[in-house]
């Protein structure tokens, strides 16, 4: 039985620092990994699964909302792939990979994201 979602525990860290874009080093490979995950890997996998979403922007919404614990646009300036910190991107990528492997429940995460947005 997959977990609802292994949401990162930001209470243990400085939340504001995590949301600041990382200016210390090159995170272009993380950005490429993020875009491939939400634009290709998850939509392709959705064709064979009973996921409630199929579009890339929906996968991005779910992963980012569940990673930052709020609607992502309240914490990250769009576009998220360019403005999210290294920590947020890595945690969101890990969450997406957990969905692909069956370790996280994308349907439950979608409900969590929609609930955060007052859309349930």
N, C-alpha and C. Protein backbone atom coordinates (compact mmCIF):
# COMPACT_ATOMS: atom_id res chain seq x y z
N UNK A 1 0.84 -1.18 0.00
CA UNK A 1 0.00 0.00 0.00
C UNK A 1 0.89 1.25 0.00
N UNK A 2 0.77 2.12 -1.01
CA UNK A 2 1.63 3.31 -1.06
C UNK A 2 1.27 4.30 0.04
N UNK A 3 2.26 5.03 0.45
CA UNK A 3 2.05 6.10 1.42
C UNK A 3 1.30 7.24 0.73
N UNK A 4 0.61 8.08 1.52
CA UNK A 4 -0.06 9.23 0.93
C UNK A 4 0.95 10.12 0.23
N UNK A 5 1.94 10.53 0.94
CA UNK A 5 3.06 11.24 0.34
C UNK A 5 4.13 11.49 1.39
N UNK A 6 5.38 11.23 1.01
CA UNK A 6 6.48 11.49 1.94
C UNK A 6 6.85 12.96 1.89
N UNK A 7 6.00 13.81 2.44
CA UNK A 7 6.23 15.25 2.37
C UNK A 7 7.44 15.63 3.21
N UNK A 8 8.34 16.42 2.64
CA UNK A 8 9.52 16.85 3.40
C UNK A 8 9.10 17.61 4.66
N UNK A 9 9.88 17.45 5.72
CA UNK A 9 9.56 18.10 6.98
C UNK A 9 10.31 19.42 7.09
N UNK A 10 9.68 20.49 6.64
CA UNK A 10 10.33 21.79 6.66
C UNK A 10 10.32 22.44 8.03
N UNK A 11 9.58 21.87 9.00
CA UNK A 11 9.62 22.41 10.35
C UNK A 11 11.02 22.25 10.94
N UNK A 12 11.77 21.28 10.45
CA UNK A 12 13.12 21.02 10.94
C UNK A 12 14.15 21.98 10.35
N UNK A 13 13.77 22.76 9.36
CA UNK A 13 14.72 23.63 8.67
C UNK A 13 14.17 25.05 8.60
N UNK A 14 15.01 25.97 8.18
CA UNK A 14 14.59 27.35 8.00
C UNK A 14 13.79 27.44 6.70
N UNK A 15 12.47 27.51 6.81
CA UNK A 15 11.58 27.47 5.66
C UNK A 15 11.88 28.60 4.68
N UNK A 16 12.07 29.82 5.16
CA UNK A 16 12.32 30.95 4.27
C UNK A 16 13.59 30.72 3.45
N UNK A 17 14.63 30.21 4.07
CA UNK A 17 15.87 29.95 3.35
C UNK A 17 15.66 28.91 2.25
N UNK A 18 14.83 27.91 2.52
CA UNK A 18 14.58 26.88 1.52
C UNK A 18 13.87 27.41 0.30
N UNK A 19 13.07 28.44 0.47
CA UNK A 19 12.31 28.97 -0.65
C UNK A 19 13.08 30.01 -1.46
N UNK A 20 14.16 30.50 -0.91
CA UNK A 20 14.96 31.48 -1.65
C UNK A 20 15.66 30.79 -2.81
N UNK A 21 15.63 31.39 -4.00
CA UNK A 21 16.38 30.81 -5.12
C UNK A 21 17.85 30.66 -4.75
N UNK A 22 18.44 29.57 -5.14
CA UNK A 22 19.82 29.26 -4.80
C UNK A 22 20.76 30.00 -5.74
N UNK A 23 21.52 30.90 -5.21
CA UNK A 23 22.44 31.69 -6.03
C UNK A 23 23.89 31.20 -5.88
N UNK A 24 24.09 30.15 -5.03
CA UNK A 24 25.45 29.71 -4.73
C UNK A 24 26.05 28.82 -5.80
N UNK A 25 25.24 28.14 -6.55
CA UNK A 25 25.82 27.21 -7.51
C UNK A 25 24.86 26.91 -8.63
N UNK A 26 25.34 26.18 -9.57
CA UNK A 26 24.56 25.83 -10.74
C UNK A 26 23.58 24.72 -10.39
N UNK A 27 22.30 24.98 -10.63
CA UNK A 27 21.29 23.95 -10.40
C UNK A 27 20.58 23.59 -11.71
N UNK A 28 21.26 23.85 -12.81
CA UNK A 28 20.65 23.60 -14.11
C UNK A 28 20.29 22.13 -14.32
N UNK A 29 21.09 21.21 -13.77
CA UNK A 29 20.76 19.80 -13.94
C UNK A 29 19.49 19.45 -13.17
N UNK A 30 19.29 20.02 -11.99
CA UNK A 30 18.04 19.81 -11.25
C UNK A 30 16.86 20.37 -12.02
N UNK A 31 17.05 21.54 -12.61
CA UNK A 31 15.98 22.14 -13.40
C UNK A 31 15.62 21.26 -14.59
N UNK A 32 16.61 20.69 -15.26
CA UNK A 32 16.35 19.77 -16.37
C UNK A 32 15.63 18.52 -15.89
N UNK A 33 16.08 17.98 -14.76
CA UNK A 33 15.43 16.80 -14.19
C UNK A 33 13.97 17.09 -13.85
N UNK A 34 13.71 18.26 -13.27
CA UNK A 34 12.34 18.65 -12.92
C UNK A 34 11.46 18.72 -14.16
N UNK A 35 11.94 19.41 -15.17
CA UNK A 35 11.13 19.58 -16.38
C UNK A 35 10.89 18.24 -17.07
N UNK A 36 11.88 17.38 -17.12
CA UNK A 36 11.69 16.06 -17.73
C UNK A 36 10.66 15.26 -16.93
N UNK A 37 10.75 15.33 -15.63
CA UNK A 37 9.81 14.59 -14.77
C UNK A 37 8.37 15.03 -15.01
N UNK A 38 8.11 16.35 -14.95
CA UNK A 38 6.71 16.81 -15.05
C UNK A 38 6.22 16.94 -16.49
N UNK A 39 7.11 17.12 -17.44
CA UNK A 39 6.68 17.28 -18.82
C UNK A 39 6.67 15.97 -19.60
N UNK A 40 7.45 14.97 -19.16
CA UNK A 40 7.54 13.72 -19.90
C UNK A 40 7.22 12.49 -19.04
N UNK A 41 8.02 12.28 -18.00
CA UNK A 41 7.93 11.02 -17.25
C UNK A 41 6.55 10.80 -16.61
N UNK A 42 6.07 11.79 -15.87
CA UNK A 42 4.77 11.61 -15.20
C UNK A 42 3.61 11.56 -16.20
N UNK A 43 3.53 12.46 -17.18
CA UNK A 43 2.44 12.34 -18.17
C UNK A 43 2.47 11.00 -18.92
N UNK A 44 3.66 10.51 -19.26
CA UNK A 44 3.75 9.21 -19.94
C UNK A 44 3.27 8.08 -19.05
N UNK A 45 3.64 8.13 -17.77
CA UNK A 45 3.21 7.09 -16.83
C UNK A 45 1.71 7.16 -16.58
N UNK A 46 1.15 8.35 -16.64
CA UNK A 46 -0.29 8.52 -16.35
C UNK A 46 -1.17 7.78 -17.35
N UNK A 47 -0.66 7.56 -18.53
CA UNK A 47 -1.44 6.85 -19.55
C UNK A 47 -1.80 5.43 -19.11
N UNK A 48 -0.93 4.81 -18.31
CA UNK A 48 -1.14 3.43 -17.89
C UNK A 48 -1.65 3.29 -16.45
N UNK A 49 -1.86 4.42 -15.78
CA UNK A 49 -2.29 4.39 -14.38
C UNK A 49 -3.62 5.09 -14.23
N UNK A 50 -4.22 4.94 -13.11
CA UNK A 50 -5.51 5.60 -12.86
C UNK A 50 -5.30 6.89 -12.07
N UNK A 51 -4.46 7.76 -12.60
CA UNK A 51 -4.20 9.03 -11.93
C UNK A 51 -5.26 10.04 -12.34
N UNK A 52 -5.58 10.97 -11.44
CA UNK A 52 -6.64 11.94 -11.72
C UNK A 52 -6.20 13.09 -12.63
N UNK A 53 -4.94 13.15 -12.98
CA UNK A 53 -4.43 14.23 -13.84
C UNK A 53 -3.57 13.63 -14.94
N UNK A 54 -3.47 14.38 -16.04
CA UNK A 54 -2.65 13.96 -17.17
C UNK A 54 -1.70 15.04 -17.65
N UNK A 55 -1.99 16.28 -17.31
CA UNK A 55 -1.25 17.43 -17.83
C UNK A 55 -0.03 17.78 -16.97
N UNK A 56 1.03 18.25 -17.64
CA UNK A 56 2.28 18.57 -16.94
C UNK A 56 2.09 19.60 -15.84
N UNK A 57 1.30 20.64 -16.09
CA UNK A 57 1.13 21.68 -15.08
C UNK A 57 0.40 21.15 -13.84
N UNK A 58 -0.43 20.13 -14.01
CA UNK A 58 -1.11 19.52 -12.86
C UNK A 58 -0.12 18.74 -12.00
N UNK A 59 0.77 18.00 -12.65
CA UNK A 59 1.80 17.28 -11.89
C UNK A 59 2.68 18.26 -11.13
N UNK A 60 3.07 19.34 -11.78
CA UNK A 60 3.90 20.36 -11.12
C UNK A 60 3.17 20.94 -9.91
N UNK A 61 1.89 21.26 -10.08
CA UNK A 61 1.08 21.82 -8.97
C UNK A 61 1.07 20.87 -7.78
N UNK A 62 0.78 19.62 -8.04
CA UNK A 62 0.67 18.64 -6.97
C UNK A 62 1.99 18.49 -6.23
N UNK A 63 3.06 18.28 -6.97
CA UNK A 63 4.37 18.05 -6.34
C UNK A 63 4.85 19.27 -5.59
N UNK A 64 4.70 20.45 -6.18
CA UNK A 64 5.17 21.66 -5.50
C UNK A 64 4.32 22.00 -4.29
N UNK A 65 3.00 21.92 -4.42
CA UNK A 65 2.13 22.21 -3.27
C UNK A 65 2.45 21.28 -2.11
N UNK A 66 2.60 19.99 -2.40
CA UNK A 66 2.87 19.03 -1.34
C UNK A 66 4.28 19.20 -0.78
N UNK A 67 5.20 19.69 -1.56
CA UNK A 67 6.56 19.91 -1.08
C UNK A 67 6.64 21.12 -0.17
N UNK A 68 6.00 22.24 -0.56
CA UNK A 68 6.11 23.45 0.26
C UNK A 68 4.98 23.59 1.28
N UNK A 69 3.98 22.70 1.21
CA UNK A 69 2.92 22.70 2.21
C UNK A 69 1.90 23.81 2.08
N UNK A 70 1.82 24.39 0.89
CA UNK A 70 0.88 25.47 0.60
C UNK A 70 0.81 25.62 -0.91
N UNK A 71 -0.17 26.36 -1.43
CA UNK A 71 -0.16 26.59 -2.88
C UNK A 71 1.19 27.21 -3.27
N UNK A 72 1.87 26.57 -4.18
CA UNK A 72 3.26 26.92 -4.46
C UNK A 72 3.44 28.38 -4.87
N UNK A 73 2.46 28.97 -5.54
CA UNK A 73 2.62 30.36 -5.98
C UNK A 73 2.65 31.35 -4.82
N UNK A 74 2.22 30.93 -3.63
CA UNK A 74 2.32 31.80 -2.46
C UNK A 74 3.73 31.79 -1.89
N UNK A 75 4.54 30.81 -2.32
CA UNK A 75 5.88 30.66 -1.78
C UNK A 75 6.99 30.83 -2.83
N UNK A 76 6.65 30.60 -4.10
CA UNK A 76 7.66 30.61 -5.17
C UNK A 76 7.15 31.47 -6.32
N UNK A 77 8.00 32.37 -6.77
CA UNK A 77 7.64 33.19 -7.92
C UNK A 77 7.66 32.34 -9.19
N UNK A 78 6.61 32.45 -10.02
CA UNK A 78 6.62 31.70 -11.29
C UNK A 78 7.70 32.23 -12.23
N UNK A 79 8.25 31.42 -13.09
CA UNK A 79 8.04 29.99 -13.21
C UNK A 79 8.82 29.23 -12.14
N UNK A 80 8.17 28.24 -11.56
CA UNK A 80 8.76 27.50 -10.44
C UNK A 80 10.05 26.79 -10.85
N UNK A 81 10.10 26.24 -12.05
CA UNK A 81 11.31 25.51 -12.46
C UNK A 81 12.54 26.40 -12.44
N UNK A 82 12.35 27.70 -12.63
CA UNK A 82 13.47 28.63 -12.63
C UNK A 82 13.70 29.26 -11.26
N UNK A 83 12.65 29.44 -10.47
CA UNK A 83 12.76 30.22 -9.23
C UNK A 83 12.74 29.41 -7.94
N UNK A 84 12.42 28.13 -8.00
CA UNK A 84 12.44 27.31 -6.79
C UNK A 84 13.88 27.07 -6.36
N UNK A 85 14.07 26.93 -5.06
CA UNK A 85 15.41 26.67 -4.53
C UNK A 85 15.84 25.25 -4.88
N UNK A 86 17.12 25.01 -4.71
CA UNK A 86 17.69 23.68 -4.91
C UNK A 86 16.97 22.66 -4.03
N UNK A 87 16.72 23.02 -2.77
CA UNK A 87 16.09 22.11 -1.82
C UNK A 87 14.66 21.75 -2.25
N UNK A 88 13.90 22.75 -2.65
CA UNK A 88 12.51 22.50 -3.05
C UNK A 88 12.48 21.66 -4.32
N UNK A 89 13.31 21.99 -5.30
CA UNK A 89 13.33 21.20 -6.53
C UNK A 89 13.71 19.74 -6.25
N UNK A 90 14.75 19.55 -5.45
CA UNK A 90 15.18 18.18 -5.15
C UNK A 90 14.08 17.41 -4.44
N UNK A 91 13.45 18.03 -3.44
CA UNK A 91 12.39 17.34 -2.70
C UNK A 91 11.18 17.06 -3.59
N UNK A 92 10.83 18.00 -4.47
CA UNK A 92 9.71 17.78 -5.38
C UNK A 92 10.03 16.68 -6.39
N UNK A 93 11.25 16.64 -6.88
CA UNK A 93 11.68 15.58 -7.79
C UNK A 93 11.61 14.23 -7.08
N UNK A 94 12.10 14.18 -5.86
CA UNK A 94 12.05 12.93 -5.09
C UNK A 94 10.61 12.47 -4.89
N UNK A 95 9.72 13.40 -4.64
CA UNK A 95 8.31 13.08 -4.47
C UNK A 95 7.71 12.54 -5.78
N UNK A 96 8.07 13.15 -6.90
CA UNK A 96 7.60 12.67 -8.20
C UNK A 96 8.12 11.28 -8.51
N UNK A 97 9.37 11.02 -8.17
CA UNK A 97 9.94 9.68 -8.38
C UNK A 97 9.24 8.66 -7.49
N UNK A 98 8.86 9.08 -6.29
CA UNK A 98 8.13 8.18 -5.39
C UNK A 98 6.76 7.84 -5.99
N UNK A 99 6.14 8.78 -6.67
CA UNK A 99 4.88 8.50 -7.36
C UNK A 99 5.10 7.49 -8.47
N UNK A 100 6.16 7.67 -9.23
CA UNK A 100 6.45 6.75 -10.32
C UNK A 100 6.72 5.33 -9.83
N UNK A 101 7.38 5.22 -8.68
CA UNK A 101 7.73 3.90 -8.16
C UNK A 101 6.60 3.26 -7.35
N UNK A 102 5.52 4.02 -7.11
CA UNK A 102 4.41 3.50 -6.33
C UNK A 102 4.57 3.68 -4.83
N UNK A 103 5.60 4.40 -4.41
CA UNK A 103 5.84 4.65 -2.99
C UNK A 103 5.00 5.81 -2.46
N UNK A 104 4.47 6.63 -3.34
CA UNK A 104 3.62 7.76 -2.95
C UNK A 104 2.34 7.69 -3.77
N UNK A 105 1.26 8.14 -3.19
CA UNK A 105 -0.07 8.08 -3.80
C UNK A 105 -0.41 9.43 -4.43
N UNK A 106 -0.26 9.51 -5.75
CA UNK A 106 -0.50 10.76 -6.45
C UNK A 106 -1.95 11.22 -6.30
N UNK A 107 -2.90 10.30 -6.26
CA UNK A 107 -4.30 10.66 -6.10
C UNK A 107 -4.54 11.34 -4.76
N UNK A 108 -3.97 10.80 -3.70
CA UNK A 108 -4.10 11.42 -2.38
C UNK A 108 -3.40 12.78 -2.35
N UNK A 109 -2.26 12.87 -3.00
CA UNK A 109 -1.53 14.14 -3.04
C UNK A 109 -2.32 15.19 -3.82
N UNK A 110 -3.01 14.78 -4.88
CA UNK A 110 -3.85 15.71 -5.62
C UNK A 110 -4.96 16.25 -4.73
N UNK A 111 -5.59 15.37 -3.94
CA UNK A 111 -6.62 15.83 -3.01
C UNK A 111 -6.05 16.82 -2.00
N UNK A 112 -4.85 16.54 -1.50
CA UNK A 112 -4.20 17.45 -0.56
C UNK A 112 -3.96 18.81 -1.21
N UNK A 113 -3.45 18.80 -2.42
CA UNK A 113 -3.18 20.05 -3.14
C UNK A 113 -4.47 20.83 -3.38
N UNK A 114 -5.50 20.15 -3.85
CA UNK A 114 -6.78 20.83 -4.09
C UNK A 114 -7.38 21.37 -2.80
N UNK A 115 -7.24 20.63 -1.73
CA UNK A 115 -7.73 21.08 -0.43
C UNK A 115 -7.02 22.35 0.02
N UNK A 116 -5.70 22.39 -0.17
CA UNK A 116 -4.92 23.59 0.17
C UNK A 116 -5.45 24.81 -0.57
N UNK A 117 -5.96 24.58 -1.76
CA UNK A 117 -6.43 25.66 -2.63
C UNK A 117 -7.92 25.94 -2.48
N UNK A 118 -8.57 25.22 -1.55
CA UNK A 118 -10.00 25.40 -1.33
C UNK A 118 -10.86 24.91 -2.48
N UNK A 119 -10.39 23.91 -3.20
CA UNK A 119 -11.10 23.44 -4.38
C UNK A 119 -11.73 22.06 -4.21
N UNK A 120 -11.87 21.61 -2.98
CA UNK A 120 -12.57 20.33 -2.74
C UNK A 120 -13.94 20.60 -2.17
